[in-house]
Amino acid sequence: MNKVFNFIFGVLLGGLVGAGLALLLAPYSGNELRDELRARTAGFQANLNEAVASRRSELEYQLAQLRKSRPE
């Protein structure tokens, strides 16, 4: 039981120390960080939408080709 308690205490203490260091060493303030995350998310979403549109176009072309070659 003592080993389990020591492990849990170590995990909690390590989490607190890590969170404190993250706050002290963060390269941006809270508002700047949120703005940066929004911009990156918007960029990722735009790239994803572009990839989806491109893949959809390719699949529609392949489907049209398959329909043309299908014997009736």
C-alpha atoms as a PDB file:
ATOM      1  CA  MET A   1       0.000   0.000   0.000  1.00  0.00           C
ATOM      2  CA  ASN A   2       2.873   2.343   0.760  1.00  0.00           C
ATOM      3  CA  LYS A   3       4.326   1.834  -2.734  1.00  0.00           C
ATOM      4  CA  VAL A   4       0.991   2.706  -4.361  1.00  0.00           C
ATOM      5  CA  PHE A   5       0.681   5.860  -2.254  1.00  0.00           C
ATOM      6  CA  ASN A   6       4.234   6.913  -3.133  1.00  0.00           C
ATOM      7  CA  PHE A   7       3.566   6.321  -6.818  1.00  0.00           C
ATOM      8  CA  ILE A   8       0.340   8.355  -6.806  1.00  0.00           C
ATOM      9  CA  PHE A   9       2.040  11.129  -4.834  1.00  0.00           C
ATOM     10  CA  GLY A  10       4.910  11.175  -7.335  1.00  0.00           C
ATOM     11  CA  VAL A  11       2.545  11.361 -10.306  1.00  0.00           C
ATOM     12  CA  LEU A  12       0.601  14.241  -8.761  1.00  0.00           C
ATOM     13  CA  LEU A  13       3.736  16.109  -7.757  1.00  0.00           C
ATOM     14  CA  GLY A  14       5.246  15.624 -11.200  1.00  0.00           C
ATOM     15  CA  GLY A  15       2.055  16.891 -12.820  1.00  0.00           C
ATOM     16  CA  LEU A  16       2.065  20.007 -10.669  1.00  0.00           C
ATOM     17  CA  VAL A  17       5.729  20.717 -11.357  1.00  0.00           C
ATOM     18  CA  GLY A  18       5.195  20.157 -15.086  1.00  0.00           C
ATOM     19  CA  ALA A  19       2.169  22.452 -15.177  1.00  0.00           C
ATOM     20  CA  GLY A  20       4.071  25.145 -13.304  1.00  0.00           C
ATOM     21  CA  LEU A  21       7.021  24.942 -15.671  1.00  0.00           C
ATOM     22  CA  ALA A  22       4.705  25.030 -18.676  1.00  0.00           C
ATOM     23  CA  LEU A  23       3.135  28.249 -17.398  1.00  0.00           C
ATOM     24  CA  LEU A  24       6.498  29.853 -16.707  1.00  0.00           C
ATOM     25  CA  LEU A  25       8.105  28.852 -19.993  1.00  0.00           C
ATOM     26  CA  ALA A  26       5.141  29.356 -22.337  1.00  0.00           C
ATOM     27  CA  PRO A  27       6.197  31.408 -25.394  1.00  0.00           C
ATOM     28  CA  TYR A  28       2.850  33.246 -25.643  1.00  0.00           C
ATOM     29  CA  SER A  29       0.360  34.856 -23.303  1.00  0.00           C
ATOM     30  CA  GLY A  30      -3.090  33.314 -23.024  1.00  0.00           C
ATOM     31  CA  ASN A  31      -4.691  35.563 -25.651  1.00  0.00           C
ATOM     32  CA  GLU A  32      -1.797  35.173 -28.071  1.00  0.00           C
ATOM     33  CA  LEU A  33      -1.840  31.411 -27.642  1.00  0.00           C
ATOM     34  CA  ARG A  34      -5.580  31.203 -28.314  1.00  0.00           C
ATOM     35  CA  ASP A  35      -5.174  33.378 -31.428  1.00  0.00           C
ATOM     36  CA  GLU A  36      -2.322  31.174 -32.638  1.00  0.00           C
ATOM     37  CA  LEU A  37      -4.374  28.022 -32.055  1.00  0.00           C
ATOM     38  CA  ARG A  38      -7.337  29.519 -33.933  1.00  0.00           C
ATOM     39  CA  ALA A  39      -5.117  30.416 -36.884  1.00  0.00           C
ATOM     40  CA  ARG A  40      -3.533  26.968 -36.996  1.00  0.00           C
ATOM     41  CA  THR A  41      -6.929  25.299 -36.700  1.00  0.00           C
ATOM     42  CA  ALA A  42      -8.317  27.412 -39.531  1.00  0.00           C
ATOM     43  CA  GLY A  43      -5.304  26.563 -41.696  1.00  0.00           C
ATOM     44  CA  PHE A  44      -5.637  22.872 -40.926  1.00  0.00           C
ATOM     45  CA  GLN A  45      -9.353  22.972 -41.706  1.00  0.00           C
ATOM     46  CA  ALA A  46      -8.702  24.729 -45.027  1.00  0.00           C
ATOM     47  CA  ASN A  47      -6.081  22.126 -45.977  1.00  0.00           C
ATOM     48  CA  LEU A  48      -8.424  19.319 -44.982  1.00  0.00           C
ATOM     49  CA  ASN A  49     -11.297  20.764 -47.021  1.00  0.00           C
ATOM     50  CA  GLU A  50      -9.000  21.117 -50.022  1.00  0.00           C
ATOM     51  CA  ALA A  51      -7.829  17.498 -49.704  1.00  0.00           C
ATOM     52  CA  VAL A  52     -11.412  16.265 -49.370  1.00  0.00           C
ATOM     53  CA  ALA A  53     -12.515  18.212 -52.445  1.00  0.00           C
ATOM     54  CA  SER A  54      -9.567  16.897 -54.452  1.00  0.00           C
ATOM     55  CA  ARG A  55     -10.197  13.292 -53.431  1.00  0.00           C
ATOM     56  CA  ARG A  56     -13.912  13.632 -54.133  1.00  0.00           C
ATOM     57  CA  SER A  57     -13.133  14.929 -57.616  1.00  0.00           C
ATOM     58  CA  GLU A  58     -10.819  11.968 -58.254  1.00  0.00           C
ATOM     59  CA  LEU A  59     -13.419   9.468 -57.061  1.00  0.00           C
ATOM     60  CA  GLU A  60     -16.168  11.060 -59.140  1.00  0.00           C
ATOM     61  CA  TYR A  61     -13.927  10.829 -62.210  1.00  0.00           C
ATOM     62  CA  GLN A  62     -13.168   7.162 -61.509  1.00  0.00           C
ATOM     63  CA  LEU A  63     -16.866   6.447 -61.030  1.00  0.00           C
ATOM     64  CA  ALA A  64     -17.687   8.108 -64.352  1.00  0.00           C
ATOM     65  CA  GLN A  65     -14.998   6.030 -66.062  1.00  0.00           C
ATOM     66  CA  LEU A  66     -16.374   2.826 -64.535  1.00  0.00           C
ATOM     67  CA  ARG A  67     -19.910   3.703 -65.644  1.00  0.00           C
ATOM     68  CA  LYS A  68     -18.692   4.335 -69.211  1.00  0.00           C
ATOM     69  CA  SER A  69     -16.894   0.991 -69.419  1.00  0.00           C
ATOM     70  CA  ARG A  70     -19.787  -1.002 -67.950  1.00  0.00           C
ATOM     71  CA  PRO A  71     -21.499  -3.175 -70.582  1.00  0.00           C
ATOM     72  CA  GLU A  72     -25.237  -2.652 -70.879  1.00  0.00           C
END
